[in-house]
Amino acid sequence: MVHDSEYTPDPSLVTRFYDDHAMNRHLDVRELPAPEPMLRILEAVSTLAPGESLLVHHNRIPHLLYPRLTERGLTVETNVPQDGEILLTIHRPPQANTLP
């Protein structure tokens, strides 16, 4: 088992990670071998501000990722378009306003 703290990304593997105008981020992990997709996704979601989302382009449904996202207070929506690509929208909810 690989722990996040022991992970060193292989610089020869390139993913696209960029911001768009809607405060969403995109990450393409379709070409990465396991466990790289999960590790890259967890690294990316750690930088999401409240209200931001990460759109992940994946080639399979990452069943082992879902509990890790829930533990971090994130929500995820999985879409499987007809072309077979898996699209995950991972969202960090806005912080709740609390009154003193």
N, C-alpha and C. Protein backbone atom coordinates (compact mmCIF):
# COMPACT_ATOMS: atom_id res chain seq x y z
N MET A 1 0.84 -1.18 0.00
CA MET A 1 0.00 0.00 0.00
C MET A 1 0.89 1.24 0.00
N VAL A 2 0.54 2.21 -0.81
CA VAL A 2 1.28 3.47 -0.89
C VAL A 2 0.54 4.51 -0.09
N HIS A 3 1.24 5.18 0.80
CA HIS A 3 0.64 6.26 1.57
C HIS A 3 0.95 7.57 0.88
N ASP A 4 0.03 8.52 1.00
CA ASP A 4 0.19 9.81 0.33
C ASP A 4 1.53 10.45 0.66
N SER A 5 1.97 10.35 1.92
CA SER A 5 3.21 11.00 2.33
C SER A 5 4.44 10.35 1.70
N GLU A 6 4.31 9.12 1.22
CA GLU A 6 5.42 8.41 0.61
C GLU A 6 5.46 8.58 -0.90
N TYR A 7 4.51 9.26 -1.46
CA TYR A 7 4.36 9.36 -2.90
C TYR A 7 5.22 10.46 -3.47
N THR A 8 6.00 10.12 -4.48
CA THR A 8 6.76 11.11 -5.25
C THR A 8 6.34 10.96 -6.69
N PRO A 9 5.70 11.99 -7.27
CA PRO A 9 5.21 11.85 -8.64
C PRO A 9 6.36 11.70 -9.63
N ASP A 10 6.12 10.91 -10.65
CA ASP A 10 7.08 10.72 -11.73
C ASP A 10 6.96 11.92 -12.66
N PRO A 11 8.02 12.75 -12.77
CA PRO A 11 7.92 13.95 -13.59
C PRO A 11 7.72 13.67 -15.08
N SER A 12 7.96 12.43 -15.51
CA SER A 12 7.77 12.12 -16.93
C SER A 12 6.29 11.95 -17.28
N LEU A 13 5.45 11.80 -16.26
CA LEU A 13 4.01 11.66 -16.49
C LEU A 13 3.38 13.04 -16.38
N VAL A 14 2.75 13.44 -17.45
CA VAL A 14 2.22 14.80 -17.50
C VAL A 14 0.70 14.75 -17.44
N THR A 15 0.13 15.56 -16.59
CA THR A 15 -1.32 15.73 -16.56
C THR A 15 -1.61 17.19 -16.84
N ARG A 16 -2.79 17.43 -17.30
CA ARG A 16 -3.23 18.80 -17.53
C ARG A 16 -3.99 19.26 -16.30
N PHE A 17 -3.54 20.32 -15.70
CA PHE A 17 -4.18 20.84 -14.50
C PHE A 17 -4.22 22.36 -14.65
N TYR A 18 -5.39 22.90 -14.83
CA TYR A 18 -5.48 24.34 -15.08
C TYR A 18 -6.80 24.87 -14.53
N ASP A 19 -6.84 26.17 -14.37
CA ASP A 19 -8.06 26.84 -13.91
C ASP A 19 -8.80 27.38 -15.11
N ASP A 20 -10.12 27.35 -15.06
CA ASP A 20 -10.90 28.00 -16.10
C ASP A 20 -11.63 29.19 -15.50
N HIS A 21 -12.48 29.84 -16.28
CA HIS A 21 -13.12 31.07 -15.84
C HIS A 21 -14.22 30.83 -14.81
N ALA A 22 -14.66 29.61 -14.61
CA ALA A 22 -15.77 29.34 -13.70
C ALA A 22 -15.30 28.87 -12.33
N MET A 23 -14.03 29.12 -11.99
CA MET A 23 -13.46 28.70 -10.72
C MET A 23 -13.48 27.18 -10.58
N ASN A 24 -13.49 26.49 -11.69
CA ASN A 24 -13.37 25.04 -11.69
C ASN A 24 -11.97 24.69 -12.15
N ARG A 25 -11.49 23.57 -11.70
CA ARG A 25 -10.18 23.09 -12.13
C ARG A 25 -10.39 21.79 -12.88
N HIS A 26 -9.47 21.49 -13.76
CA HIS A 26 -9.56 20.29 -14.58
C HIS A 26 -8.29 19.47 -14.39
N LEU A 27 -8.47 18.16 -14.32
CA LEU A 27 -7.33 17.26 -14.17
C LEU A 27 -7.58 16.05 -15.05
N ASP A 28 -6.64 15.73 -15.92
CA ASP A 28 -6.77 14.59 -16.82
C ASP A 28 -5.81 13.51 -16.34
N VAL A 29 -6.38 12.39 -15.85
CA VAL A 29 -5.55 11.29 -15.33
C VAL A 29 -5.74 10.02 -16.16
N ARG A 30 -6.33 10.14 -17.34
CA ARG A 30 -6.67 8.96 -18.15
C ARG A 30 -5.46 8.13 -18.54
N GLU A 31 -4.31 8.73 -18.71
CA GLU A 31 -3.14 8.00 -19.20
C GLU A 31 -2.22 7.52 -18.08
N LEU A 32 -2.59 7.76 -16.83
CA LEU A 32 -1.70 7.42 -15.72
C LEU A 32 -1.96 6.01 -15.19
N PRO A 33 -0.90 5.30 -14.80
CA PRO A 33 -1.07 3.98 -14.19
C PRO A 33 -1.46 4.12 -12.72
N ALA A 34 -2.14 3.12 -12.19
CA ALA A 34 -2.49 3.11 -10.77
C ALA A 34 -1.20 3.05 -9.95
N PRO A 35 -1.16 3.70 -8.81
CA PRO A 35 -2.17 4.49 -8.11
C PRO A 35 -2.09 5.98 -8.41
N GLU A 36 -1.39 6.37 -9.47
CA GLU A 36 -1.18 7.78 -9.79
C GLU A 36 -2.47 8.60 -9.88
N PRO A 37 -3.54 8.10 -10.55
CA PRO A 37 -4.75 8.93 -10.63
C PRO A 37 -5.29 9.33 -9.25
N MET A 38 -5.40 8.37 -8.34
CA MET A 38 -5.94 8.69 -7.02
C MET A 38 -5.03 9.67 -6.29
N LEU A 39 -3.75 9.47 -6.37
CA LEU A 39 -2.82 10.35 -5.67
C LEU A 39 -2.84 11.76 -6.25
N ARG A 40 -2.89 11.86 -7.54
CA ARG A 40 -2.95 13.19 -8.18
C ARG A 40 -4.26 13.90 -7.85
N ILE A 41 -5.36 13.14 -7.83
CA ILE A 41 -6.65 13.73 -7.51
C ILE A 41 -6.66 14.23 -6.07
N LEU A 42 -6.16 13.42 -5.14
CA LEU A 42 -6.13 13.82 -3.74
C LEU A 42 -5.24 15.05 -3.54
N GLU A 43 -4.15 15.11 -4.27
CA GLU A 43 -3.27 16.28 -4.19
C GLU A 43 -4.00 17.52 -4.70
N ALA A 44 -4.71 17.38 -5.81
CA ALA A 44 -5.42 18.52 -6.41
C ALA A 44 -6.56 19.01 -5.52
N VAL A 45 -7.34 18.10 -4.94
CA VAL A 45 -8.47 18.54 -4.12
C VAL A 45 -8.02 19.19 -2.82
N SER A 46 -6.80 18.91 -2.40
CA SER A 46 -6.31 19.53 -1.16
C SER A 46 -6.15 21.04 -1.33
N THR A 47 -6.10 21.52 -2.55
CA THR A 47 -5.94 22.96 -2.81
C THR A 47 -7.24 23.66 -3.16
N LEU A 48 -8.36 22.93 -3.19
CA LEU A 48 -9.64 23.55 -3.52
C LEU A 48 -10.10 24.48 -2.41
N ALA A 49 -10.46 25.68 -2.77
CA ALA A 49 -11.04 26.63 -1.82
C ALA A 49 -12.53 26.30 -1.67
N PRO A 50 -13.16 26.76 -0.59
CA PRO A 50 -14.59 26.55 -0.45
C PRO A 50 -15.35 27.07 -1.67
N GLY A 51 -16.24 26.24 -2.19
CA GLY A 51 -17.03 26.59 -3.36
C GLY A 51 -16.39 26.21 -4.68
N GLU A 52 -15.15 25.77 -4.68
CA GLU A 52 -14.47 25.38 -5.92
C GLU A 52 -14.73 23.91 -6.24
N SER A 53 -14.57 23.59 -7.53
CA SER A 53 -14.76 22.23 -8.01
C SER A 53 -13.56 21.79 -8.84
N LEU A 54 -13.39 20.48 -8.91
CA LEU A 54 -12.37 19.86 -9.75
C LEU A 54 -13.08 18.91 -10.70
N LEU A 55 -12.88 19.11 -11.99
CA LEU A 55 -13.42 18.21 -13.00
C LEU A 55 -12.29 17.26 -13.40
N VAL A 56 -12.50 15.96 -13.18
CA VAL A 56 -11.48 14.96 -13.45
C VAL A 56 -11.91 14.13 -14.66
N HIS A 57 -11.00 13.98 -15.61
CA HIS A 57 -11.19 13.11 -16.76
C HIS A 57 -10.48 11.80 -16.43
N HIS A 58 -11.25 10.72 -16.33
CA HIS A 58 -10.71 9.43 -15.89
C HIS A 58 -11.12 8.37 -16.91
N ASN A 59 -10.44 7.24 -16.87
CA ASN A 59 -10.80 6.15 -17.78
C ASN A 59 -11.53 5.01 -17.07
N ARG A 60 -11.75 5.15 -15.77
CA ARG A 60 -12.52 4.14 -15.02
C ARG A 60 -13.16 4.78 -13.81
N ILE A 61 -14.14 4.10 -13.25
CA ILE A 61 -14.79 4.60 -12.03
C ILE A 61 -13.87 4.27 -10.86
N PRO A 62 -13.40 5.30 -10.14
CA PRO A 62 -12.42 5.08 -9.06
C PRO A 62 -13.09 4.78 -7.72
N HIS A 63 -13.58 3.56 -7.57
CA HIS A 63 -14.33 3.18 -6.37
C HIS A 63 -13.56 3.43 -5.08
N LEU A 64 -12.25 3.22 -5.08
CA LEU A 64 -11.47 3.41 -3.86
C LEU A 64 -11.28 4.88 -3.50
N LEU A 65 -11.51 5.76 -4.44
CA LEU A 65 -11.35 7.19 -4.19
C LEU A 65 -12.52 7.78 -3.41
N TYR A 66 -13.72 7.29 -3.63
CA TYR A 66 -14.92 7.90 -3.04
C TYR A 66 -14.85 8.04 -1.52
N PRO A 67 -14.46 7.00 -0.77
CA PRO A 67 -14.39 7.19 0.69
C PRO A 67 -13.35 8.23 1.11
N ARG A 68 -12.27 8.33 0.36
CA ARG A 68 -11.21 9.31 0.67
C ARG A 68 -11.75 10.73 0.49
N LEU A 69 -12.59 10.93 -0.52
CA LEU A 69 -13.18 12.25 -0.75
C LEU A 69 -14.18 12.59 0.34
N THR A 70 -15.00 11.61 0.71
CA THR A 70 -15.99 11.83 1.77
C THR A 70 -15.31 12.19 3.08
N GLU A 71 -14.21 11.51 3.40
CA GLU A 71 -13.45 11.81 4.62
C GLU A 71 -12.98 13.26 4.64
N ARG A 72 -12.74 13.82 3.48
CA ARG A 72 -12.24 15.19 3.37
C ARG A 72 -13.37 16.22 3.25
N GLY A 73 -14.62 15.77 3.41
CA GLY A 73 -15.77 16.68 3.35
C GLY A 73 -16.13 17.13 1.96
N LEU A 74 -15.73 16.37 0.94
CA LEU A 74 -15.99 16.72 -0.45
C LEU A 74 -17.16 15.92 -1.00
N THR A 75 -17.83 16.48 -1.98
CA THR A 75 -18.89 15.74 -2.68
C THR A 75 -18.38 15.41 -4.07
N VAL A 76 -18.92 14.34 -4.66
CA VAL A 76 -18.49 13.93 -5.99
C VAL A 76 -19.70 13.50 -6.81
N GLU A 77 -19.70 13.90 -8.05
CA GLU A 77 -20.71 13.48 -9.02
C GLU A 77 -19.98 12.75 -10.14
N THR A 78 -20.46 11.56 -10.47
CA THR A 78 -19.83 10.76 -11.52
C THR A 78 -20.73 10.73 -12.74
N ASN A 79 -20.18 11.07 -13.89
CA ASN A 79 -20.91 11.02 -15.15
C ASN A 79 -20.17 10.11 -16.12
N VAL A 80 -20.94 9.30 -16.83
CA VAL A 80 -20.36 8.40 -17.83
C VAL A 80 -21.02 8.72 -19.17
N PRO A 81 -20.42 9.65 -19.93
CA PRO A 81 -20.97 9.96 -21.25
C PRO A 81 -20.88 8.74 -22.17
N GLN A 82 -21.54 8.79 -23.29
CA GLN A 82 -21.57 7.66 -24.21
C GLN A 82 -20.21 7.31 -24.78
N ASP A 83 -19.26 8.23 -24.75
CA ASP A 83 -17.94 7.93 -25.31
C ASP A 83 -17.09 7.07 -24.38
N GLY A 84 -17.58 6.79 -23.16
CA GLY A 84 -16.88 5.90 -22.25
C GLY A 84 -15.95 6.60 -21.28
N GLU A 85 -15.65 7.87 -21.50
CA GLU A 85 -14.81 8.61 -20.56
C GLU A 85 -15.60 8.84 -19.27
N ILE A 86 -14.94 8.71 -18.15
CA ILE A 86 -15.57 8.96 -16.86
C ILE A 86 -15.25 10.39 -16.46
N LEU A 87 -16.28 11.15 -16.11
CA LEU A 87 -16.09 12.52 -15.66
C LEU A 87 -16.52 12.61 -14.20
N LEU A 88 -15.61 13.03 -13.35
CA LEU A 88 -15.89 13.21 -11.94
C LEU A 88 -15.89 14.70 -11.65
N THR A 89 -16.93 15.19 -11.01
CA THR A 89 -16.94 16.56 -10.53
C THR A 89 -16.86 16.50 -9.02
N ILE A 90 -15.73 16.95 -8.50
CA ILE A 90 -15.48 16.92 -7.06
C ILE A 90 -15.62 18.35 -6.56
N HIS A 91 -16.43 18.53 -5.53
CA HIS A 91 -16.77 19.87 -5.07
C HIS A 91 -16.48 20.02 -3.58
N ARG A 92 -15.83 21.13 -3.23
CA ARG A 92 -15.68 21.49 -1.82
C ARG A 92 -16.81 22.48 -1.51
N PRO A 93 -17.73 22.10 -0.62
CA PRO A 93 -18.86 22.98 -0.32
C PRO A 93 -18.39 24.32 0.25
N PRO A 94 -19.19 25.37 0.03
CA PRO A 94 -18.86 26.66 0.64
C PRO A 94 -18.93 26.53 2.17
N GLN A 95 -18.14 27.32 2.83
CA GLN A 95 -18.17 27.29 4.29
C GLN A 95 -19.50 27.83 4.77
N ALA A 96 -20.06 27.18 5.76
CA ALA A 96 -21.34 27.63 6.30
C ALA A 96 -21.13 28.91 7.11
N ASN A 97 -22.04 29.82 6.94
CA ASN A 97 -21.98 31.04 7.75
C ASN A 97 -22.50 30.72 9.14
N THR A 98 -21.71 31.04 10.13
CA THR A 98 -22.14 30.79 11.51
C THR A 98 -22.24 32.10 12.25
N LEU A 99 -23.23 32.23 13.05
CA LEU A 99 -23.42 33.43 13.86
C LEU A 99 -22.77 33.22 15.20
N PRO A 100 -22.14 34.26 15.77
CA PRO A 100 -21.49 34.09 17.09
C PRO A 100 -22.48 33.82 18.19
